[in-house]
Amino acid sequence: MSIQSPNIQLKQNSEKESEFYSVITAKPQSVWFVYLLECLNGKIYTGITTNVEARFNKHLSGKGAKFTKMNPPSHIIATQQCENRSEASKLECQIKKLSPAKKRALNDIGMK
């Protein structure tokens, strides 16, 4: 009997009668980034990705998100590396609640 989760695959150990599971494989975790783009009209877009450059190019081509299709980006304001998608999503949610001025200031307080 096998059980699978998003990051770990578990297999029941048939040598013992108890419900003992051992990890047999673990998918490598990808590095995620939260990024902020300033658009040509001054609006700020916040998103997450595993490849900031590729995602920025998607936004430039009009295929990244509906928001950036209507508000073309001009440049990347800041990026922040996160350990996993969950951490990136939580940080993205916090940043989206900030005012535009505070979002722009993130570059000054440690976001690259």
PDB file of N, CA and C in Angstrom:
ATOM      1  N   MET A   1       0.838  -1.175   0.000  1.00  0.00           N
ATOM      2  CA  MET A   1       0.000   0.000   0.000  1.00  0.00           C
ATOM      3  C   MET A   1       0.885   1.241   0.000  1.00  0.00           C
ATOM      4  N   SER A   2       0.621   2.198  -0.864  1.00  0.00           N
ATOM      5  CA  SER A   2       1.390   3.440  -0.940  1.00  0.00           C
ATOM      6  C   SER A   2       0.483   4.627  -0.671  1.00  0.00           C
ATOM      7  N   ILE A   3       1.042   5.621  -0.022  1.00  0.00           N
ATOM      8  CA  ILE A   3       0.341   6.876   0.240  1.00  0.00           C
ATOM      9  C   ILE A   3       1.202   7.968  -0.340  1.00  0.00           C
ATOM     10  N   GLN A   4       0.580   8.915  -1.044  1.00  0.00           N
ATOM     11  CA  GLN A   4       1.354  10.004  -1.630  1.00  0.00           C
ATOM     12  C   GLN A   4       0.831  11.334  -1.130  1.00  0.00           C
ATOM     13  N   SER A   5       1.745  12.218  -0.837  1.00  0.00           N
ATOM     14  CA  SER A   5       1.417  13.601  -0.516  1.00  0.00           C
ATOM     15  C   SER A   5       2.166  14.455  -1.521  1.00  0.00           C
ATOM     16  N   PRO A   6       1.947  15.761  -1.558  1.00  0.00           N
ATOM     17  CA  PRO A   6       2.632  16.589  -2.559  1.00  0.00           C
ATOM     18  C   PRO A   6       4.153  16.498  -2.515  1.00  0.00           C
ATOM     19  N   ASN A   7       4.752  16.348  -1.332  1.00  0.00           N
ATOM     20  CA  ASN A   7       6.207  16.382  -1.237  1.00  0.00           C
ATOM     21  C   ASN A   7       6.844  15.060  -0.830  1.00  0.00           C
ATOM     22  N   ILE A   8       6.083  14.158  -0.264  1.00  0.00           N
ATOM     23  CA  ILE A   8       6.663  12.923   0.244  1.00  0.00           C
ATOM     24  C   ILE A   8       5.805  11.742  -0.166  1.00  0.00           C
ATOM     25  N   GLN A   9       6.443  10.699  -0.590  1.00  0.00           N
ATOM     26  CA  GLN A   9       5.741   9.465  -0.900  1.00  0.00           C
ATOM     27  C   GLN A   9       6.059   8.478   0.217  1.00  0.00           C
ATOM     28  N   LEU A  10       5.035   7.895   0.825  1.00  0.00           N
ATOM     29  CA  LEU A  10       5.219   6.963   1.929  1.00  0.00           C
ATOM     30  C   LEU A  10       4.833   5.565   1.486  1.00  0.00           C
ATOM     31  N   LYS A  11       5.499   4.562   2.033  1.00  0.00           N
ATOM     32  CA  LYS A  11       5.192   3.182   1.694  1.00  0.00           C
ATOM     33  C   LYS A  11       5.069   2.391   2.989  1.00  0.00           C
ATOM     34  N   GLN A  12       4.018   1.577   3.081  1.00  0.00           N
ATOM     35  CA  GLN A  12       3.818   0.775   4.278  1.00  0.00           C
ATOM     36  C   GLN A  12       4.889  -0.296   4.330  1.00  0.00           C
ATOM     37  N   ASN A  13       5.462  -0.486   5.508  1.00  0.00           N
ATOM     38  CA  ASN A  13       6.473  -1.510   5.715  1.00  0.00           C
ATOM     39  C   ASN A  13       5.750  -2.825   5.967  1.00  0.00           C
ATOM     40  N   SER A  14       5.816  -3.768   5.013  1.00  0.00           N
ATOM     41  CA  SER A  14       5.078  -5.016   5.122  1.00  0.00           C
ATOM     42  C   SER A  14       5.733  -6.007   6.068  1.00  0.00           C
ATOM     43  N   GLU A  15       6.960  -5.742   6.527  1.00  0.00           N
ATOM     44  CA  GLU A  15       7.654  -6.667   7.422  1.00  0.00           C
ATOM     45  C   GLU A  15       7.104  -6.616   8.839  1.00  0.00           C
ATOM     46  N   LYS A  16       6.417  -5.570   9.203  1.00  0.00           N
ATOM     47  CA  LYS A  16       5.863  -5.436  10.545  1.00  0.00           C
ATOM     48  C   LYS A  16       4.359  -5.356  10.449  1.00  0.00           C
ATOM     49  N   GLU A  17       3.687  -5.838  11.463  1.00  0.00           N
ATOM     50  CA  GLU A  17       2.231  -5.828  11.460  1.00  0.00           C
ATOM     51  C   GLU A  17       1.669  -4.441  11.804  1.00  0.00           C
ATOM     52  N   SER A  18       2.450  -3.635  12.479  1.00  0.00           N
ATOM     53  CA  SER A  18       1.962  -2.310  12.877  1.00  0.00           C
ATOM     54  C   SER A  18       1.882  -1.395  11.653  1.00  0.00           C
ATOM     55  N   GLU A  19       1.209  -0.293  11.825  1.00  0.00           N
ATOM     56  CA  GLU A  19       1.077   0.702  10.767  1.00  0.00           C
ATOM     57  C   GLU A  19       2.338   1.562  10.741  1.00  0.00           C
ATOM     58  N   PHE A  20       3.422   1.022  10.198  1.00  0.00           N
ATOM     59  CA  PHE A  20       4.698   1.722  10.133  1.00  0.00           C
ATOM     60  C   PHE A  20       4.920   2.179   8.701  1.00  0.00           C
ATOM     61  N   TYR A  21       5.215   3.439   8.562  1.00  0.00           N
ATOM     62  CA  TYR A  21       5.454   4.000   7.240  1.00  0.00           C
ATOM     63  C   TYR A  21       6.864   4.566   7.189  1.00  0.00           C
ATOM     64  N   SER A  22       7.524   4.360   6.086  1.00  0.00           N
ATOM     65  CA  SER A  22       8.863   4.934   5.932  1.00  0.00           C
ATOM     66  C   SER A  22       8.898   5.790   4.673  1.00  0.00           C
ATOM     67  N   VAL A  23       9.673   6.829   4.732  1.00  0.00           N
ATOM     68  CA  VAL A  23       9.817   7.705   3.587  1.00  0.00           C
ATOM     69  C   VAL A  23      10.723   7.017   2.581  1.00  0.00           C
ATOM     70  N   ILE A  24      10.232   6.864   1.328  1.00  0.00           N
ATOM     71  CA  ILE A  24      11.094   6.245   0.317  1.00  0.00           C
ATOM     72  C   ILE A  24      11.588   7.242  -0.722  1.00  0.00           C
ATOM     73  N   THR A  25      10.838   8.293  -0.958  1.00  0.00           N
ATOM     74  CA  THR A  25      11.313   9.337  -1.854  1.00  0.00           C
ATOM     75  C   THR A  25      10.759  10.666  -1.389  1.00  0.00           C
ATOM     76  N   ALA A  26      11.479  11.704  -1.671  1.00  0.00           N
ATOM     77  CA  ALA A  26      11.001  13.060  -1.387  1.00  0.00           C
ATOM     78  C   ALA A  26      11.306  13.910  -2.601  1.00  0.00           C
ATOM     79  N   LYS A  27      10.288  14.588  -3.107  1.00  0.00           N
ATOM     80  CA  LYS A  27      10.492  15.468  -4.252  1.00  0.00           C
ATOM     81  C   LYS A  27      11.302  16.675  -3.801  1.00  0.00           C
ATOM     82  N   PRO A  28      12.238  17.129  -4.616  1.00  0.00           N
ATOM     83  CA  PRO A  28      13.016  18.306  -4.219  1.00  0.00           C
ATOM     84  C   PRO A  28      12.119  19.542  -4.132  1.00  0.00           C
ATOM     85  N   GLN A  29      12.341  20.348  -3.120  1.00  0.00           N
ATOM     86  CA  GLN A  29      11.581  21.578  -2.940  1.00  0.00           C
ATOM     87  C   GLN A  29      12.145  22.654  -3.858  1.00  0.00           C
ATOM     88  N   SER A  30      11.279  23.385  -4.536  1.00  0.00           N
ATOM     89  CA  SER A  30      11.769  24.487  -5.359  1.00  0.00           C
ATOM     90  C   SER A  30      11.839  25.752  -4.520  1.00  0.00           C
ATOM     91  N   VAL A  31      12.711  26.625  -4.939  1.00  0.00           N
ATOM     92  CA  VAL A  31      12.822  27.929  -4.302  1.00  0.00           C
ATOM     93  C   VAL A  31      11.767  28.825  -4.942  1.00  0.00           C
ATOM     94  N   TRP A  32      11.040  29.547  -4.120  1.00  0.00           N
ATOM     95  CA  TRP A  32       9.999  30.457  -4.597  1.00  0.00           C
ATOM     96  C   TRP A  32      10.391  31.891  -4.283  1.00  0.00           C
ATOM     97  N   PHE A  33       9.865  32.807  -5.070  1.00  0.00           N
ATOM     98  CA  PHE A  33      10.133  34.228  -4.903  1.00  0.00           C
ATOM     99  C   PHE A  33       8.826  34.993  -4.875  1.00  0.00           C
ATOM    100  N   VAL A  34       8.779  36.024  -4.049  1.00  0.00           N
ATOM    101  CA  VAL A  34       7.731  37.038  -4.122  1.00  0.00           C
ATOM    102  C   VAL A  34       8.370  38.189  -4.881  1.00  0.00           C
ATOM    103  N   TYR A  35       7.647  38.769  -5.829  1.00  0.00           N
ATOM    104  CA  TYR A  35       8.203  39.867  -6.615  1.00  0.00           C
ATOM    105  C   TYR A  35       7.184  40.988  -6.742  1.00  0.00           C
ATOM    106  N   LEU A  36       7.698  42.192  -6.881  1.00  0.00           N
ATOM    107  CA  LEU A  36       6.857  43.374  -7.073  1.00  0.00           C
ATOM    108  C   LEU A  36       7.265  44.053  -8.363  1.00  0.00           C
ATOM    109  N   LEU A  37       6.288  44.365  -9.187  1.00  0.00           N
ATOM    110  CA  LEU A  37       6.516  45.059 -10.454  1.00  0.00           C
ATOM    111  C   LEU A  37       5.857  46.433 -10.393  1.00  0.00           C
ATOM    112  N   GLU A  38       6.553  47.427 -10.904  1.00  0.00           N
ATOM    113  CA  GLU A  38       5.914  48.731 -11.077  1.00  0.00           C
ATOM    114  C   GLU A  38       5.442  48.799 -12.517  1.00  0.00           C
ATOM    115  N   CYS A  39       4.204  49.205 -12.694  1.00  0.00           N
ATOM    116  CA  CYS A  39       3.616  49.281 -14.028  1.00  0.00           C
ATOM    117  C   CYS A  39       3.789  50.691 -14.600  1.00  0.00           C
ATOM    118  N   LEU A  40       3.610  50.806 -15.905  1.00  0.00           N
ATOM    119  CA  LEU A  40       3.804  52.079 -16.593  1.00  0.00           C
ATOM    120  C   LEU A  40       2.918  53.191 -16.031  1.00  0.00           C
ATOM    121  N   ASN A  41       1.741  52.810 -15.502  1.00  0.00           N
ATOM    122  CA  ASN A  41       0.818  53.802 -14.950  1.00  0.00           C
ATOM    123  C   ASN A  41       1.041  54.037 -13.453  1.00  0.00           C
ATOM    124  N   GLY A  42       2.110  53.457 -12.874  1.00  0.00           N
ATOM    125  CA  GLY A  42       2.434  53.667 -11.466  1.00  0.00           C
ATOM    126  C   GLY A  42       1.848  52.643 -10.510  1.00  0.00           C
ATOM    127  N   LYS A  43       0.959  51.786 -10.996  1.00  0.00           N
ATOM    128  CA  LYS A  43       0.392  50.745 -10.132  1.00  0.00           C
ATOM    129  C   LYS A  43       1.457  49.689  -9.852  1.00  0.00           C
ATOM    130  N   ILE A  44       1.268  48.952  -8.754  1.00  0.00           N
ATOM    131  CA  ILE A  44       2.227  47.918  -8.361  1.00  0.00           C
ATOM    132  C   ILE A  44       1.548  46.562  -8.372  1.00  0.00           C
ATOM    133  N   TYR A  45       2.203  45.597  -8.998  1.00  0.00           N
ATOM    134  CA  TYR A  45       1.722  44.224  -9.051  1.00  0.00           C
ATOM    135  C   TYR A  45       2.613  43.363  -8.161  1.00  0.00           C
ATOM    136  N   THR A  46       2.008  42.508  -7.345  1.00  0.00           N
ATOM    137  CA  THR A  46       2.744  41.582  -6.482  1.00  0.00           C
ATOM    138  C   THR A  46       2.381  40.160  -6.886  1.00  0.00           C
ATOM    139  N   GLY A  47       3.396  39.306  -7.042  1.00  0.00           N
ATOM    140  CA  GLY A  47       3.146  37.926  -7.420  1.00  0.00           C
ATOM    141  C   GLY A  47       4.205  36.990  -6.867  1.00  0.00           C
ATOM    142  N   ILE A  48       4.020  35.685  -7.130  1.00  0.00           N
ATOM    143  CA  ILE A  48       5.004  34.680  -6.723  1.00  0.00           C
ATOM    144  C   ILE A  48       5.379  33.837  -7.930  1.00  0.00           C
ATOM    145  N   THR A  49       6.596  33.308  -7.902  1.00  0.00           N
ATOM    146  CA  THR A  49       7.087  32.485  -9.000  1.00  0.00           C
ATOM    147  C   THR A  49       8.334  31.734  -8.562  1.00  0.00           C
ATOM    148  N   THR A  50       8.759  30.784  -9.374  1.00  0.00           N
ATOM    149  CA  THR A  50      10.032  30.097  -9.140  1.00  0.00           C
ATOM    150  C   THR A  50      11.130  30.680 -10.019  1.00  0.00           C
ATOM    151  N   ASN A  51      10.752  31.529 -10.993  1.00  0.00           N
ATOM    152  CA  ASN A  51      11.732  32.124 -11.910  1.00  0.00           C
ATOM    153  C   ASN A  51      11.281  33.559 -12.225  1.00  0.00           C
ATOM    154  N   VAL A  52      11.866  34.521 -11.534  1.00  0.00           N
ATOM    155  CA  VAL A  52      11.427  35.914 -11.647  1.00  0.00           C
ATOM    156  C   VAL A  52      11.632  36.451 -13.059  1.00  0.00           C
ATOM    157  N   GLU A  53      12.780  36.201 -13.645  1.00  0.00           N
ATOM    158  CA  GLU A  53      13.064  36.730 -14.985  1.00  0.00           C
ATOM    159  C   GLU A  53      12.072  36.202 -16.019  1.00  0.00           C
ATOM    160  N   ALA A  54      11.824  34.902 -16.004  1.00  0.00           N
ATOM    161  CA  ALA A  54      10.883  34.309 -16.967  1.00  0.00           C
ATOM    162  C   ALA A  54       9.468  34.843 -16.743  1.00  0.00           C
ATOM    163  N   ARG A  55       9.083  34.993 -15.481  1.00  0.00           N
ATOM    164  CA  ARG A  55       7.742  35.488 -15.183  1.00  0.00           C
ATOM    165  C   ARG A  55       7.598  36.951 -15.601  1.00  0.00           C
ATOM    166  N   PHE A  56       8.640  37.753 -15.373  1.00  0.00           N
ATOM    167  CA  PHE A  56       8.613  39.153 -15.793  1.00  0.00           C
ATOM    168  C   PHE A  56       8.447  39.235 -17.310  1.00  0.00           C
ATOM    169  N   ASN A  57       9.161  38.397 -18.038  1.00  0.00           N
ATOM    170  CA  ASN A  57       9.034  38.383 -19.501  1.00  0.00           C
ATOM    171  C   ASN A  57       7.628  37.985 -19.938  1.00  0.00           C
ATOM    172  N   LYS A  58       6.984  37.072 -19.200  1.00  0.00           N
ATOM    173  CA  LYS A  58       5.585  36.710 -19.500  1.00  0.00           C
ATOM    174  C   LYS A  58       4.682  37.931 -19.315  1.00  0.00           C
ATOM    175  N   HIS A  59       4.912  38.662 -18.224  1.00  0.00           N
ATOM    176  CA  HIS A  59       4.115  39.866 -17.980  1.00  0.00           C
ATOM    177  C   HIS A  59       4.338  40.887 -19.095  1.00  0.00           C
ATOM    178  N   LEU A  60       5.583  41.062 -19.522  1.00  0.00           N
ATOM    179  CA  LEU A  60       5.887  42.009 -20.603  1.00  0.00           C
ATOM    180  C   LEU A  60       5.175  41.640 -21.902  1.00  0.00           C
ATOM    181  N   SER A  61       5.027  40.334 -22.139  1.00  0.00           N
ATOM    182  CA  SER A  61       4.384  39.878 -23.373  1.00  0.00           C
ATOM    183  C   SER A  61       2.857  39.944 -23.288  1.00  0.00           C
ATOM    184  N   GLY A  62       2.319  40.292 -22.110  1.00  0.00           N
ATOM    185  CA  GLY A  62       0.865  40.379 -21.952  1.00  0.00           C
ATOM    186  C   GLY A  62       0.217  39.063 -21.599  1.00  0.00           C
ATOM    187  N   LYS A  63       1.027  38.045 -21.301  1.00  0.00           N
ATOM    188  CA  LYS A  63       0.481  36.723 -20.989  1.00  0.00           C
ATOM    189  C   LYS A  63       0.698  36.310 -19.549  1.00  0.00           C
ATOM    190  N   GLY A  64       1.195  37.215 -18.695  1.00  0.00           N
ATOM    191  CA  GLY A  64       1.503  36.850 -17.313  1.00  0.00           C
ATOM    192  C   GLY A  64       0.292  36.832 -16.398  1.00  0.00           C
ATOM    193  N   ALA A  65      -0.515  37.859 -16.441  1.00  0.00           N
ATOM    194  CA  ALA A  65      -1.702  37.979 -15.587  1.00  0.00           C
ATOM    195  C   ALA A  65      -2.629  39.015 -16.206  1.00  0.00           C
ATOM    196  N   LYS A  66      -3.896  38.906 -15.885  1.00  0.00           N
ATOM    197  CA  LYS A  66      -4.872  39.861 -16.414  1.00  0.00           C
ATOM    198  C   LYS A  66      -4.505  41.292 -15.990  1.00  0.00           C
ATOM    199  N   PHE A  67      -4.052  41.446 -14.726  1.00  0.00           N
ATOM    200  CA  PHE A  67      -3.684  42.768 -14.215  1.00  0.00           C
ATOM    201  C   PHE A  67      -2.585  43.395 -15.061  1.00  0.00           C
ATOM    202  N   THR A  68      -1.531  42.641 -15.364  1.00  0.00           N
ATOM    203  CA  THR A  68      -0.410  43.220 -16.113  1.00  0.00           C
ATOM    204  C   THR A  68      -0.708  43.318 -17.613  1.00  0.00           C
ATOM    205  N   LYS A  69      -1.740  42.635 -18.052  1.00  0.00           N
ATOM    206  CA  LYS A  69      -2.164  42.824 -19.446  1.00  0.00           C
ATOM    207  C   LYS A  69      -2.807  44.202 -19.597  1.00  0.00           C
ATOM    208  N   MET A  70      -3.552  44.598 -18.552  1.00  0.00           N
ATOM    209  CA  MET A  70      -4.218  45.901 -18.557  1.00  0.00           C
ATOM    210  C   MET A  70      -3.303  47.022 -18.049  1.00  0.00           C
ATOM    211  N   ASN A  71      -2.281  46.651 -17.279  1.00  0.00           N
ATOM    212  CA  ASN A  71      -1.340  47.607 -16.689  1.00  0.00           C
ATOM    213  C   ASN A  71       0.076  47.125 -16.983  1.00  0.00           C
ATOM    214  N   PRO A  72       0.607  47.366 -18.170  1.00  0.00           N
ATOM    215  CA  PRO A  72       1.913  46.816 -18.544  1.00  0.00           C
ATOM    216  C   PRO A  72       3.024  47.213 -17.559  1.00  0.00           C
ATOM    217  N   PRO A  73       3.851  46.233 -17.165  1.00  0.00           N
ATOM    218  CA  PRO A  73       4.926  46.527 -16.210  1.00  0.00           C
ATOM    219  C   PRO A  73       6.092  47.258 -16.865  1.00  0.00           C
ATOM    220  N   SER A  74       6.780  48.066 -16.047  1.00  0.00           N
ATOM    221  CA  SER A  74       7.969  48.753 -16.556  1.00  0.00           C
ATOM    222  C   SER A  74       9.237  48.134 -15.991  1.00  0.00           C
ATOM    223  N   HIS A  75       9.219  47.773 -14.687  1.00  0.00           N
ATOM    224  CA  HIS A  75      10.416  47.195 -14.086  1.00  0.00           C
ATOM    225  C   HIS A  75      10.075  46.444 -12.800  1.00  0.00           C
ATOM    226  N   ILE A  76      11.042  45.651 -12.344  1.00  0.00           N
ATOM    227  CA  ILE A  76      10.903  44.916 -11.094  1.00  0.00           C
ATOM    228  C   ILE A  76      11.353  45.835  -9.962  1.00  0.00           C
ATOM    229  N   ILE A  77      10.502  46.014  -8.962  1.00  0.00           N
ATOM    230  CA  ILE A  77      10.842  46.845  -7.807  1.00  0.00           C
ATOM    231  C   ILE A  77      11.675  46.048  -6.811  1.00  0.00           C
ATOM    232  N   ALA A  78      11.205  44.831  -6.485  1.00  0.00           N
ATOM    233  CA  ALA A  78      11.867  44.050  -5.441  1.00  0.00           C
ATOM    234  C   ALA A  78      11.542  42.576  -5.599  1.00  0.00           C
ATOM    235  N   THR A  79      12.412  41.736  -5.045  1.00  0.00           N
ATOM    236  CA  THR A  79      12.168  40.293  -4.980  1.00  0.00           C
ATOM    237  C   THR A  79      12.583  39.811  -3.601  1.00  0.00           C
ATOM    238  N   GLN A  80      11.958  38.744  -3.150  1.00  0.00           N
ATOM    239  CA  GLN A  80      12.326  38.126  -1.879  1.00  0.00           C
ATOM    240  C   GLN A  80      12.257  36.613  -2.049  1.00  0.00           C
ATOM    241  N   GLN A  81      13.350  35.936  -1.781  1.00  0.00           N
ATOM    242  CA  GLN A  81      13.385  34.477  -1.883  1.00  0.00           C
ATOM    243  C   GLN A  81      12.689  33.868  -0.675  1.00  0.00           C
ATOM    244  N   CYS A  82      11.923  32.804  -0.917  1.00  0.00           N
ATOM    245  CA  CYS A  82      11.219  32.086   0.144  1.00  0.00           C
ATOM    246  C   CYS A  82      11.566  30.604   0.043  1.00  0.00           C
ATOM    247  N   GLU A  83      11.422  29.886   1.148  1.00  0.00           N
ATOM    248  CA  GLU A  83      11.790  28.471   1.171  1.00  0.00           C
ATOM    249  C   GLU A  83      10.832  27.583   0.399  1.00  0.00           C
ATOM    250  N   ASN A  84       9.549  27.972   0.328  1.00  0.00           N
ATOM    251  CA  ASN A  84       8.565  27.135  -0.359  1.00  0.00           C
ATOM    252  C   ASN A  84       7.389  27.992  -0.813  1.00  0.00           C
ATOM    253  N   ARG A  85       6.480  27.363  -1.532  1.00  0.00           N
ATOM    254  CA  ARG A  85       5.341  28.094  -2.085  1.00  0.00           C
ATOM    255  C   ARG A  85       4.433  28.651  -0.995  1.00  0.00           C
ATOM    256  N   SER A  86       4.249  27.887   0.063  1.00  0.00           N
ATOM    257  CA  SER A  86       3.396  28.336   1.156  1.00  0.00           C
ATOM    258  C   SER A  86       3.929  29.623   1.776  1.00  0.00           C
ATOM    259  N   GLU A  87       5.215  29.650   2.052  1.00  0.00           N
ATOM    260  CA  GLU A  87       5.835  30.849   2.628  1.00  0.00           C
ATOM    261  C   GLU A  87       5.702  32.036   1.667  1.00  0.00           C
ATOM    262  N   ALA A  88       5.909  31.778   0.381  1.00  0.00           N
ATOM    263  CA  ALA A  88       5.795  32.845  -0.621  1.00  0.00           C
ATOM    264  C   ALA A  88       4.362  33.374  -0.695  1.00  0.00           C
ATOM    265  N   SER A  89       3.395  32.485  -0.659  1.00  0.00           N
ATOM    266  CA  SER A  89       1.988  32.911  -0.727  1.00  0.00           C
ATOM    267  C   SER A  89       1.588  33.744   0.480  1.00  0.00           C
ATOM    268  N   LYS A  90       2.063  33.353   1.656  1.00  0.00           N
ATOM    269  CA  LYS A  90       1.751  34.110   2.870  1.00  0.00           C
ATOM    270  C   LYS A  90       2.369  35.507   2.812  1.00  0.00           C
ATOM    271  N   LEU A  91       3.621  35.588   2.364  1.00  0.00           N
ATOM    272  CA  LEU A  91       4.280  36.888   2.247  1.00  0.00           C
ATOM    273  C   LEU A  91       3.587  37.747   1.188  1.00  0.00           C
ATOM    274  N   GLU A  92       3.217  37.139   0.072  1.00  0.00           N
ATOM    275  CA  GLU A  92       2.502  37.861  -0.982  1.00  0.00           C
ATOM    276  C   GLU A  92       1.207  38.473  -0.436  1.00  0.00           C
ATOM    277  N   CYS A  93       0.480  37.707   0.338  1.00  0.00           N
ATOM    278  CA  CYS A  93      -0.783  38.175   0.921  1.00  0.00           C
ATOM    279  C   CYS A  93      -0.537  39.372   1.846  1.00  0.00           C
ATOM    280  N   GLN A  94       0.515  39.305   2.650  1.00  0.00           N
ATOM    281  CA  GLN A  94       0.841  40.416   3.552  1.00  0.00           C
ATOM    282  C   GLN A  94       1.217  41.664   2.757  1.00  0.00           C
ATOM    283  N   ILE A  95       2.014  41.497   1.708  1.00  0.00           N
ATOM    284  CA  ILE A  95       2.462  42.636   0.904  1.00  0.00           C
ATOM    285  C   ILE A  95       1.292  43.284   0.177  1.00  0.00           C
ATOM    286  N   LYS A  96       0.360  42.487  -0.312  1.00  0.00           N
ATOM    287  CA  LYS A  96      -0.778  43.035  -1.052  1.00  0.00           C
ATOM    288  C   LYS A  96      -1.644  43.952  -0.181  1.00  0.00           C
ATOM    289  N   LYS A  97      -1.550  43.815   1.134  1.00  0.00           N
ATOM    290  CA  LYS A  97      -2.323  44.659   2.047  1.00  0.00           C
ATOM    291  C   LYS A  97      -1.661  46.019   2.291  1.00  0.00           C
ATOM    292  N   LEU A  98      -0.412  46.167   1.863  1.00  0.00           N
ATOM    293  CA  LEU A  98       0.327  47.409   2.087  1.00  0.00           C
ATOM    294  C   LEU A  98      -0.071  48.501   1.095  1.00  0.00           C
ATOM    295  N   SER A  99       0.166  49.730   1.474  1.00  0.00           N
ATOM    296  CA  SER A  99      -0.057  50.858   0.565  1.00  0.00           C
ATOM    297  C   SER A  99       1.035  50.846  -0.498  1.00  0.00           C
ATOM    298  N   PRO A 100       0.799  51.509  -1.635  1.00  0.00           N
ATOM    299  CA  PRO A 100       1.840  51.577  -2.668  1.00  0.00           C
ATOM    300  C   PRO A 100       3.160  52.150  -2.150  1.00  0.00           C
ATOM    301  N   ALA A 101       3.092  53.152  -1.289  1.00  0.00           N
ATOM    302  CA  ALA A 101       4.321  53.759  -0.749  1.00  0.00           C
ATOM    303  C   ALA A 101       5.105  52.749   0.087  1.00  0.00           C
ATOM    304  N   LYS A 102       4.397  51.968   0.898  1.00  0.00           N
ATOM    305  CA  LYS A 102       5.072  50.959   1.718  1.00  0.00           C
ATOM    306  C   LYS A 102       5.625  49.826   0.849  1.00  0.00           C
ATOM    307  N   LYS A 103       4.926  49.496  -0.233  1.00  0.00           N
ATOM    308  CA  LYS A 103       5.440  48.472  -1.150  1.00  0.00           C
ATOM    309  C   LYS A 103       6.738  48.946  -1.794  1.00  0.00           C
ATOM    310  N   ARG A 104       6.770  50.204  -2.207  1.00  0.00           N
ATOM    311  CA  ARG A 104       7.992  50.750  -2.821  1.00  0.00           C
ATOM    312  C   ARG A 104       9.139  50.784  -1.809  1.00  0.00           C
ATOM    313  N   ALA A 105       8.829  51.009  -0.546  1.00  0.00           N
ATOM    314  CA  ALA A 105       9.850  51.087   0.503  1.00  0.00           C
ATOM    315  C   ALA A 105      10.447  49.717   0.836  1.00  0.00           C
ATOM    316  N   LEU A 106       9.798  48.632   0.449  1.00  0.00           N
ATOM    317  CA  LEU A 106      10.327  47.297   0.744  1.00  0.00           C
ATOM    318  C   LEU A 106      11.724  47.094   0.173  1.00  0.00           C
ATOM    319  N   ASN A 107      12.006  47.735  -0.936  1.00  0.00           N
ATOM    320  CA  ASN A 107      13.338  47.627  -1.540  1.00  0.00           C
ATOM    321  C   ASN A 107      14.391  48.206  -0.609  1.00  0.00           C
ATOM    322  N   ASP A 108      14.018  49.215   0.163  1.00  0.00           N
ATOM    323  CA  ASP A 108      14.952  49.880   1.079  1.00  0.00           C
ATOM    324  C   ASP A 108      15.165  49.114   2.389  1.00  0.00           C
ATOM    325  N   ILE A 109      14.243  48.205   2.721  1.00  0.00           N
ATOM    326  CA  ILE A 109      14.364  47.506   3.999  1.00  0.00           C
ATOM    327  C   ILE A 109      14.754  46.034   3.863  1.00  0.00           C
ATOM    328  N   GLY A 110      15.314  45.657   2.724  1.00  0.00           N
ATOM    329  CA  GLY A 110      15.850  44.309   2.639  1.00  0.00           C
ATOM    330  C   GLY A 110      15.406  43.470   1.457  1.00  0.00           C
ATOM    331  N   MET A 111      14.279  43.782   0.857  1.00  0.00           N
ATOM    332  CA  MET A 111      13.918  43.036  -0.347  1.00  0.00           C
ATOM    333  C   MET A 111      14.846  43.523  -1.451  1.00  0.00           C
ATOM    334  N   LYS A 112      15.320  42.620  -2.260  1.00  0.00           N
ATOM    335  CA  LYS A 112      16.288  42.971  -3.292  1.00  0.00           C
ATOM    336  C   LYS A 112      15.623  43.560  -4.506  1.00  0.00           C
TER     337      LYS A 112
END
